[in-house]
């Protein structure tokens, strides 16, 4: 089964998926640390908002220059608002899942689970949007 999937995906797309996964994992680590840190002073929902907003900037540059590197012209004025729109949509969804998990359970683990669950659900859709629209590359 995995061999069939591997054959369907081009090498270029597989590299992007691996890199996308690595950046996403790093972003999870950074976001979870910030979430823990800000939850010392803020409620879960506010800590989630601050952590996600602060982690989105470095994630944008890692996605743009490592996962989808392009040479030639690109438009920061076009890419940043679209990326932030997706980040804010993920923030909205993760804030909902944080509210949901922290209303059922107490503690940091409920907060962390809500944040990760919210972004895990939008992870695949974000890759498709980034690949096909925002950072699309011309295949030669």
Protein backbone atom coordinates (compact mmCIF):
# COMPACT_ATOMS: atom_id res chain seq x y z
CA UNK A 1 0.00 0.00 0.00
CA UNK A 2 2.73 2.48 0.96
CA UNK A 3 4.68 1.59 -2.19
CA UNK A 4 1.64 2.39 -4.33
CA UNK A 5 1.21 5.75 -2.61
CA UNK A 6 4.93 6.48 -3.02
CA UNK A 7 4.69 5.73 -6.74
CA UNK A 8 1.74 8.11 -7.09
CA UNK A 9 3.56 11.00 -5.46
CA UNK A 10 6.35 12.69 -7.33
CA UNK A 11 9.70 12.99 -5.59
CA UNK A 12 9.24 16.76 -5.44
CA UNK A 13 5.88 16.42 -3.70
CA UNK A 14 7.25 13.82 -1.27
CA UNK A 15 10.08 16.19 -0.31
CA UNK A 16 7.55 18.97 0.25
CA UNK A 17 5.40 16.69 2.41
CA UNK A 18 8.40 15.67 4.54
CA UNK A 19 9.50 19.28 4.94
CA UNK A 20 5.94 20.42 5.63
CA UNK A 21 5.71 17.76 8.34
CA UNK A 22 9.04 18.85 9.84
CA UNK A 23 8.05 22.53 9.91
CA UNK A 24 4.64 21.62 11.34
CA UNK A 25 6.29 19.52 14.07
CA UNK A 26 8.66 22.38 14.93
CA UNK A 27 5.72 24.77 14.98
CA UNK A 28 3.87 22.44 17.36
CA UNK A 29 6.85 22.41 19.73
CA UNK A 30 7.20 26.21 19.65
CA UNK A 31 3.45 26.76 20.02
CA UNK A 32 3.16 24.29 22.91
CA UNK A 33 6.06 25.96 24.74
CA UNK A 34 4.50 29.40 24.23
CA UNK A 35 1.11 28.02 25.25
CA UNK A 36 2.56 26.66 28.48
CA UNK A 37 4.46 29.90 29.13
CA UNK A 38 1.55 32.26 28.55
CA UNK A 39 -0.86 30.00 30.41
CA UNK A 40 1.08 30.86 33.55
CA UNK A 41 -0.47 34.36 33.33
CA UNK A 42 -3.42 34.07 30.94
CA UNK A 43 -6.48 31.88 30.61
CA UNK A 44 -6.30 29.00 28.12
CA UNK A 45 -8.09 30.79 25.30
CA UNK A 46 -5.95 33.94 25.55
CA UNK A 47 -2.76 31.90 25.90
CA UNK A 48 -3.75 30.00 22.75
CA UNK A 49 -4.30 33.23 20.81
CA UNK A 50 -0.95 34.72 21.82
CA UNK A 51 0.99 31.48 21.22
CA UNK A 52 -0.50 30.89 17.77
CA UNK A 53 0.02 34.47 16.61
CA UNK A 54 3.66 34.51 17.78
CA UNK A 55 4.46 31.13 16.20
CA UNK A 56 2.85 31.98 12.84
CA UNK A 57 5.56 34.42 11.72
CA UNK A 58 8.49 31.99 11.83
CA UNK A 59 6.27 29.26 10.35
CA UNK A 60 5.48 31.48 7.35
CA UNK A 61 9.15 31.98 6.55
CA UNK A 62 10.02 28.30 7.02
CA UNK A 63 7.15 27.26 4.75
CA UNK A 64 8.00 29.89 2.16
CA UNK A 65 11.76 29.50 1.94
CA UNK A 66 12.36 25.86 2.90
CA UNK A 67 9.25 23.85 2.00
CA UNK A 68 8.28 25.83 -1.11
CA UNK A 69 11.50 27.58 -2.20
CA UNK A 70 11.08 29.64 -5.36
CA UNK A 71 13.46 31.62 -7.40
CA UNK A 72 12.37 34.73 -9.19
CA UNK A 73 9.57 37.10 -8.40
CA UNK A 74 7.19 36.62 -5.54
CA UNK A 75 4.73 38.93 -3.90
CA UNK A 76 4.91 39.37 -0.13
CA UNK A 77 1.89 41.69 -0.42
CA UNK A 78 -0.11 38.77 -1.87
CA UNK A 79 1.31 35.93 0.21
CA UNK A 80 1.29 37.40 3.73
CA UNK A 81 -2.44 38.29 3.88
CA UNK A 82 -3.44 34.91 2.48
CA UNK A 83 -1.15 33.03 4.87
CA UNK A 84 -2.40 35.09 7.83
CA UNK A 85 -5.99 34.43 6.77
CA UNK A 86 -5.28 30.69 6.92
CA UNK A 87 -3.42 31.12 10.22
CA UNK A 88 -6.35 33.04 11.70
CA UNK A 89 -8.81 30.41 10.46
CA UNK A 90 -6.68 27.78 12.21
CA UNK A 91 -6.52 30.03 15.27
CA UNK A 92 -10.30 30.32 15.31
CA UNK A 93 -10.74 26.58 15.04
CA UNK A 94 -8.07 25.82 17.63
CA UNK A 95 -9.57 28.40 19.99
CA UNK A 96 -12.89 26.59 19.69
CA UNK A 97 -11.26 23.21 20.40
CA UNK A 98 -9.31 24.74 23.33
CA UNK A 99 -12.56 26.08 24.75
CA UNK A 100 -14.15 22.66 24.26
CA UNK A 101 -11.38 20.63 25.89
CA UNK A 102 -10.81 23.04 28.77
CA UNK A 103 -14.53 23.12 29.53
CA UNK A 104 -14.45 19.32 29.94
CA UNK A 105 -11.09 18.90 31.68
CA UNK A 106 -8.76 21.00 33.81
CA UNK A 107 -5.06 21.55 33.43
CA UNK A 108 -2.47 22.31 30.80
CA UNK A 109 -2.90 18.96 29.04
CA UNK A 110 -6.48 19.81 28.15
CA UNK A 111 -5.26 23.12 26.74
CA UNK A 112 -2.46 21.45 24.76
CA UNK A 113 -4.80 18.76 23.44
CA UNK A 114 -7.31 21.35 22.28
CA UNK A 115 -4.64 23.35 20.47
CA UNK A 116 -3.13 20.32 18.73
CA UNK A 117 -6.53 18.89 17.80
CA UNK A 118 -7.64 22.16 16.24
CA UNK A 119 -4.58 22.43 14.04
CA UNK A 120 -4.43 18.72 13.23
CA UNK A 121 -7.86 18.95 11.66
CA UNK A 122 -6.85 21.82 9.36
CA UNK A 123 -3.33 20.47 8.63
CA UNK A 124 -4.15 18.63 5.39
CA UNK A 125 -6.31 21.43 4.03
CA UNK A 126 -3.59 23.96 4.71
CA UNK A 127 -1.03 21.88 2.80
CA UNK A 128 -3.35 21.66 -0.20
CA UNK A 129 -3.97 25.42 -0.18
CA UNK A 130 -0.28 26.25 0.22
CA UNK A 131 0.74 23.78 -2.49
CA UNK A 132 -1.90 24.57 -5.08
CA UNK A 133 -2.45 28.27 -4.57
CA UNK A 134 -0.16 30.30 -2.37
CA UNK A 135 3.32 28.88 -2.93
CA UNK A 136 2.64 26.92 -6.11
CA UNK A 137 5.71 26.19 -8.17
CA UNK A 138 6.05 25.74 -11.88
CA UNK A 139 7.02 22.13 -12.64
CA UNK A 140 9.37 21.75 -15.55
